[in-house]
Amino acid sequence: MKLTFLGTGTSHGVPPLDCIISDFKRCHKNVCRRSFTDPKHARTRSSILIQQNGKSILVDVSSDFRLQAIRQNIQTIDAVLITHSHADHIGGIPDIRSYTTHSPVDMYGSSESIRSIRKTFSYAFSSQVLPGGGVPNINTIEIHSPFSLFGTTVTPVAVTHGNLLGCLGYVVGTVGYLPDVKSIAPSEKEKLYGLDLLILDCLNDGREHATHLTLEQSVKLARELAPKRCYFIHMSHLIDYETDRAVLHPWMEFAYDGLNIELSNP
């Protein structure tokens, strides 16, 4: 299994427009200025690509998907997993059309996420043929329990992300992916203990947030779940991958856009 971090940033990305407009006066850690010279601090919206058994599984279709696909030279998309329907996680769905010329792509998500996607991109699911084409050919599938995808078990994990219903993380084989989470019920945590790899939300350096984990909370949860390795994502400009790593354990890291990881026995 090969994993590629397509994006590791928040809904604002790094640098956010807020900092550009304010001439970086809002950027207290100088991460945004440094993002122009240090690619590891330039963060597009969060998404990963999982490649296994000759198949490519995209998890979320971020607002930056087109640029991510060009940067990583993505040739095929065989299935899509959706964590939730916030714009930064589904905004790139129209660009899936380039991968559905010959056959539809299956898109999996909670019933709430699928309903939202079908409403937001209603033109793509209309029975009326539109002139000019340019419509993504997507087969939406609501999931409620573990299922097999290209020979690998995919387990949905219900998480709390503000008041949004139907927000999920996923365990794909022995890899856990939870980009947007504030809390997880004990029954859902049972699905996450002792994974080979955990990819976890980590918004900022300690400022309490209503819908996301802070660095301290992310580290605490990772220690509880005890994966072999943990990478933090969905990071704002309040995470400096160099200085903030001082609080991480040796098996923890901050991910960055374009990072590739290979697992021999997922």
Protein backbone atom coordinates (compact mmCIF):
# COMPACT_ATOMS: atom_id res chain seq x y z
CA MET A 1 0.00 0.00 0.00
CA LYS A 2 1.26 3.45 -0.93
CA LEU A 3 -0.24 6.60 0.60
CA THR A 4 0.22 10.09 -0.77
CA PHE A 5 -0.73 13.15 1.27
CA LEU A 6 -2.33 15.33 -1.39
CA GLY A 7 -3.11 18.09 1.09
CA THR A 8 -2.49 18.65 4.80
CA GLY A 9 -4.09 22.05 5.44
CA THR A 10 -7.32 23.42 6.85
CA SER A 11 -10.25 24.85 4.93
CA HIS A 12 -8.25 28.10 4.63
CA GLY A 13 -5.09 26.43 3.36
CA VAL A 14 -1.64 27.79 4.21
CA PRO A 15 -1.00 30.58 3.61
CA PRO A 16 -4.64 31.65 4.10
CA LEU A 17 -5.92 34.66 2.21
CA ASP A 18 -6.49 36.36 5.57
CA CYS A 19 -2.73 36.60 6.04
CA ILE A 20 -2.05 37.69 2.48
CA ILE A 21 -4.64 40.47 2.73
CA SER A 22 -3.31 41.68 6.10
CA ASP A 23 0.31 41.60 4.86
CA PHE A 24 0.98 38.72 7.27
CA LYS A 25 0.11 40.74 10.37
CA ARG A 26 -2.16 37.88 11.52
CA CYS A 27 0.55 35.25 11.17
CA HIS A 28 2.17 35.09 14.62
CA LYS A 29 4.53 32.17 13.88
CA ASN A 30 5.81 33.38 10.48
CA VAL A 31 4.64 30.10 8.91
CA CYS A 32 2.85 31.86 6.06
CA ARG A 33 5.86 33.89 4.92
CA ARG A 34 8.04 30.79 5.13
CA SER A 35 5.55 28.79 3.05
CA PHE A 36 6.81 30.59 -0.06
CA THR A 37 10.34 29.24 0.42
CA ASP A 38 9.68 26.06 2.44
CA PRO A 39 7.24 23.74 0.61
CA LYS A 40 6.52 21.79 3.81
CA HIS A 41 4.69 24.82 5.19
CA ALA A 42 2.57 25.35 2.04
CA ARG A 43 -0.59 23.35 2.77
CA THR A 44 -3.47 22.71 0.40
CA ARG A 45 -6.77 21.33 1.68
CA SER A 46 -6.60 17.89 3.26
CA SER A 47 -6.93 14.72 1.18
CA ILE A 48 -5.01 11.48 0.66
CA LEU A 49 -4.58 8.98 -2.16
CA ILE A 50 -4.29 5.28 -1.33
CA GLN A 51 -2.84 2.97 -3.97
CA GLN A 52 -3.03 -0.79 -3.54
CA ASN A 53 -3.49 -3.85 -5.74
CA GLY A 54 -3.30 -1.65 -8.84
CA LYS A 55 -6.20 0.53 -7.66
CA SER A 56 -6.33 4.17 -6.54
CA ILE A 57 -8.67 5.25 -3.74
CA LEU A 58 -9.13 8.97 -3.18
CA VAL A 59 -10.24 10.06 0.30
CA ASP A 60 -12.10 13.36 -0.07
CA VAL A 61 -12.01 15.55 -3.17
CA SER A 62 -10.65 18.79 -1.83
CA SER A 63 -11.12 22.26 -3.21
CA ASP A 64 -7.52 21.98 -4.42
CA PHE A 65 -7.95 18.58 -6.09
CA ARG A 66 -7.10 19.74 -9.61
CA LEU A 67 -3.77 21.23 -8.52
CA GLN A 68 -3.04 18.20 -6.34
CA ALA A 69 -3.76 15.80 -9.20
CA ILE A 70 -1.44 17.73 -11.51
CA ARG A 71 1.31 17.95 -8.90
CA GLN A 72 1.18 14.21 -8.11
CA ASN A 73 0.47 13.14 -11.70
CA ILE A 74 -2.63 11.13 -10.70
CA GLN A 75 -3.54 8.95 -13.67
CA THR A 76 -6.57 7.03 -12.35
CA ILE A 77 -9.20 7.26 -9.62
CA ASP A 78 -11.01 3.96 -9.01
CA ALA A 79 -13.08 4.90 -5.94
CA VAL A 80 -13.69 7.84 -3.62
CA LEU A 81 -14.33 7.87 0.13
CA ILE A 82 -15.98 11.00 1.55
CA THR A 83 -15.47 11.91 5.20
CA HIS A 84 -18.06 14.71 5.26
CA SER A 85 -19.66 17.34 3.08
CA HIS A 86 -17.89 20.55 4.07
CA ALA A 87 -16.73 22.50 1.03
CA ASP A 88 -13.01 21.94 1.53
CA HIS A 89 -13.59 18.17 1.34
CA ILE A 90 -15.95 17.98 -1.64
CA GLY A 91 -15.25 21.17 -3.59
CA GLY A 92 -13.17 19.36 -6.22
CA ILE A 93 -15.86 16.86 -7.20
CA PRO A 94 -16.50 18.52 -10.60
CA ASP A 95 -12.90 17.70 -11.58
CA ILE A 96 -13.55 13.98 -11.06
CA ARG A 97 -15.13 14.14 -14.53
CA SER A 98 -11.68 13.77 -16.08
CA TYR A 99 -11.42 10.31 -14.48
CA THR A 100 -14.91 9.11 -15.42
CA THR A 101 -14.81 9.38 -19.21
CA HIS A 102 -15.15 5.64 -19.79
CA SER A 103 -16.91 4.41 -16.63
CA PRO A 104 -18.44 5.80 -13.44
CA VAL A 105 -16.48 6.12 -10.20
CA ASP A 106 -18.06 4.78 -7.00
CA MET A 107 -18.24 7.41 -4.26
CA TYR A 108 -18.86 6.21 -0.69
CA GLY A 109 -20.05 8.23 2.27
CA SER A 110 -22.61 8.55 5.04
CA SER A 111 -26.23 9.07 4.04
CA GLU A 112 -25.96 12.71 5.16
CA SER A 113 -22.84 13.32 3.06
CA ILE A 114 -24.27 11.64 -0.02
CA ARG A 115 -27.50 13.63 0.20
CA SER A 116 -25.53 16.86 0.50
CA ILE A 117 -23.30 16.00 -2.47
CA ARG A 118 -26.25 15.08 -4.67
CA LYS A 119 -27.91 18.40 -3.76
CA THR A 120 -24.79 20.55 -4.14
CA PHE A 121 -23.86 19.02 -7.49
CA SER A 122 -27.39 18.22 -8.63
CA TYR A 123 -26.50 18.75 -12.30
CA ALA A 124 -24.25 15.68 -12.13
CA PHE A 125 -27.12 13.46 -11.04
CA SER A 126 -29.85 14.83 -13.27
CA SER A 127 -31.64 12.42 -15.61
CA GLN A 128 -31.61 15.18 -18.21
CA VAL A 129 -28.62 15.07 -20.54
CA LEU A 130 -26.91 18.44 -20.54
CA PRO A 131 -25.43 19.84 -23.76
CA GLY A 132 -21.68 20.26 -23.82
CA GLY A 133 -20.82 17.46 -21.44
CA GLY A 134 -18.42 18.14 -18.60
CA VAL A 135 -20.46 16.16 -16.08
CA PRO A 136 -18.71 13.81 -13.62
CA ASN A 137 -20.04 10.26 -13.87
CA ILE A 138 -20.40 9.28 -10.21
CA ASN A 139 -22.17 6.36 -8.58
CA THR A 140 -22.96 7.36 -4.98
CA ILE A 141 -23.12 4.65 -2.31
CA GLU A 142 -24.31 5.19 1.27
CA ILE A 143 -22.36 3.18 3.83
CA HIS A 144 -23.40 2.09 7.32
CA SER A 145 -20.95 -0.70 8.12
CA PRO A 146 -17.58 -2.14 7.03
CA PHE A 147 -17.29 -3.20 3.40
CA SER A 148 -14.70 -4.65 1.02
CA LEU A 149 -13.10 -2.39 -1.56
CA PHE A 150 -10.67 -3.95 -4.04
CA GLY A 151 -9.84 -6.70 -1.57
CA THR A 152 -9.29 -4.38 1.41
CA THR A 153 -11.70 -3.90 4.32
CA VAL A 154 -12.90 -0.33 4.77
CA THR A 155 -14.43 0.49 8.16
CA PRO A 156 -16.30 3.78 8.67
CA VAL A 157 -15.67 5.50 12.01
CA ALA A 158 -18.30 7.95 13.26
CA VAL A 159 -16.74 11.11 14.72
CA THR A 160 -18.02 14.37 16.18
CA HIS A 161 -17.19 17.46 14.13
CA GLY A 162 -19.27 20.30 15.49
CA ASN A 163 -22.97 19.81 14.84
CA LEU A 164 -22.49 18.24 11.40
CA LEU A 165 -24.26 14.91 11.11
CA GLY A 166 -22.71 11.96 9.28
CA CYS A 167 -19.06 12.93 9.66
CA LEU A 168 -16.76 9.91 9.29
CA GLY A 169 -13.20 8.80 9.52
CA TYR A 170 -12.06 5.57 7.88
CA VAL A 171 -9.91 2.58 8.63
CA VAL A 172 -8.58 1.18 5.35
CA GLY A 173 -6.83 -2.08 6.10
CA THR A 174 -4.73 -1.06 9.11
CA VAL A 175 -4.55 2.66 8.25
CA GLY A 176 -6.80 5.12 10.07
CA TYR A 177 -7.71 8.48 8.53
CA LEU A 178 -9.52 11.12 10.63
CA PRO A 179 -9.06 14.62 9.16
CA ASP A 180 -11.88 16.50 10.92
CA VAL A 181 -12.70 15.45 14.47
CA LYS A 182 -13.37 16.96 17.87
CA SER A 183 -14.30 13.79 19.76
CA ILE A 184 -14.91 10.08 19.24
CA ALA A 185 -17.31 7.86 21.17
CA PRO A 186 -15.70 4.95 23.07
CA SER A 187 -17.47 2.40 20.85
CA GLU A 188 -15.95 4.00 17.74
CA LYS A 189 -12.49 4.25 19.32
CA GLU A 190 -12.48 0.45 19.50
CA LYS A 191 -11.98 0.46 15.72
CA LEU A 192 -8.81 2.54 16.01
CA TYR A 193 -6.56 0.91 18.59
CA GLY A 194 -3.16 -0.42 17.56
CA LEU A 195 -3.21 0.53 13.87
CA ASP A 196 -0.10 0.42 11.73
CA LEU A 197 -0.69 4.05 10.77
CA LEU A 198 -2.99 6.74 12.15
CA ILE A 199 -3.56 10.02 10.28
CA LEU A 200 -5.17 12.53 12.61
CA ASP A 201 -6.61 16.05 12.76
CA CYS A 202 -4.34 18.64 14.41
CA LEU A 203 -5.61 22.17 13.84
CA ASN A 204 -3.43 24.47 15.93
CA ASP A 205 -0.87 24.81 18.70
CA GLY A 206 -3.20 24.83 21.66
CA ARG A 207 -6.00 27.32 21.15
CA GLU A 208 -9.29 25.57 21.97
CA HIS A 209 -11.51 25.03 18.95
CA ALA A 210 -15.17 23.99 18.79
CA THR A 211 -14.84 21.48 15.96
CA HIS A 212 -11.19 20.35 15.75
CA LEU A 213 -8.48 18.84 17.93
CA THR A 214 -5.61 21.03 19.07
CA LEU A 215 -2.01 19.80 19.07
CA GLU A 216 -2.13 18.82 22.75
CA GLN A 217 -5.44 16.99 22.25
CA SER A 218 -4.19 15.25 19.11
CA VAL A 219 -1.05 13.99 20.84
CA LYS A 220 -3.12 12.77 23.80
CA LEU A 221 -5.55 10.89 21.56
CA ALA A 222 -2.73 9.38 19.51
CA ARG A 223 -1.07 8.12 22.69
CA GLU A 224 -4.35 6.53 23.76
CA LEU A 225 -4.91 4.81 20.40
CA ALA A 226 -1.24 3.75 20.24
CA PRO A 227 -0.63 3.21 16.51
CA LYS A 228 2.81 2.19 15.28
CA ARG A 229 3.07 5.53 13.47
CA CYS A 230 1.01 8.72 13.52
CA TYR A 231 0.95 11.65 11.10
CA PHE A 232 -0.91 14.86 11.86
CA ILE A 233 -2.84 16.76 9.18
CA HIS A 234 -5.51 19.46 8.72
CA MET A 235 -3.03 21.98 10.12
CA SER A 236 -3.43 25.74 10.15
CA HIS A 237 -0.65 28.33 10.06
CA LEU A 238 -0.46 27.91 13.84
CA ILE A 239 1.46 24.65 13.41
CA ASP A 240 5.18 24.97 12.68
CA TYR A 241 6.41 21.54 11.64
CA GLU A 242 9.93 22.31 12.92
CA THR A 243 9.43 24.00 16.31
CA ASP A 244 6.17 22.29 17.33
CA ARG A 245 7.60 18.81 16.79
CA ALA A 246 9.34 19.22 20.16
CA VAL A 247 6.17 17.93 21.86
CA LEU A 248 5.81 14.89 19.59
CA HIS A 249 6.86 11.36 20.42
CA PRO A 250 9.38 9.66 18.10
CA TRP A 251 6.60 7.77 16.29
CA MET A 252 4.67 10.98 15.56
CA GLU A 253 5.23 13.42 12.70
CA PHE A 254 3.59 16.39 11.00
CA ALA A 255 2.67 15.39 7.44
CA TYR A 256 3.24 17.69 4.48
CA ASP A 257 1.82 17.97 0.98
CA GLY A 258 3.32 15.38 -1.39
CA LEU A 259 4.63 13.09 1.36
CA ASN A 260 4.61 9.43 0.27
CA ILE A 261 4.46 6.49 2.69
CA GLU A 262 4.63 2.80 1.87
CA LEU A 263 3.30 0.02 4.10
CA SER A 264 4.38 -3.54 3.39
CA ASN A 265 1.53 -5.32 5.18
CA PRO A 266 -1.46 -3.00 5.57
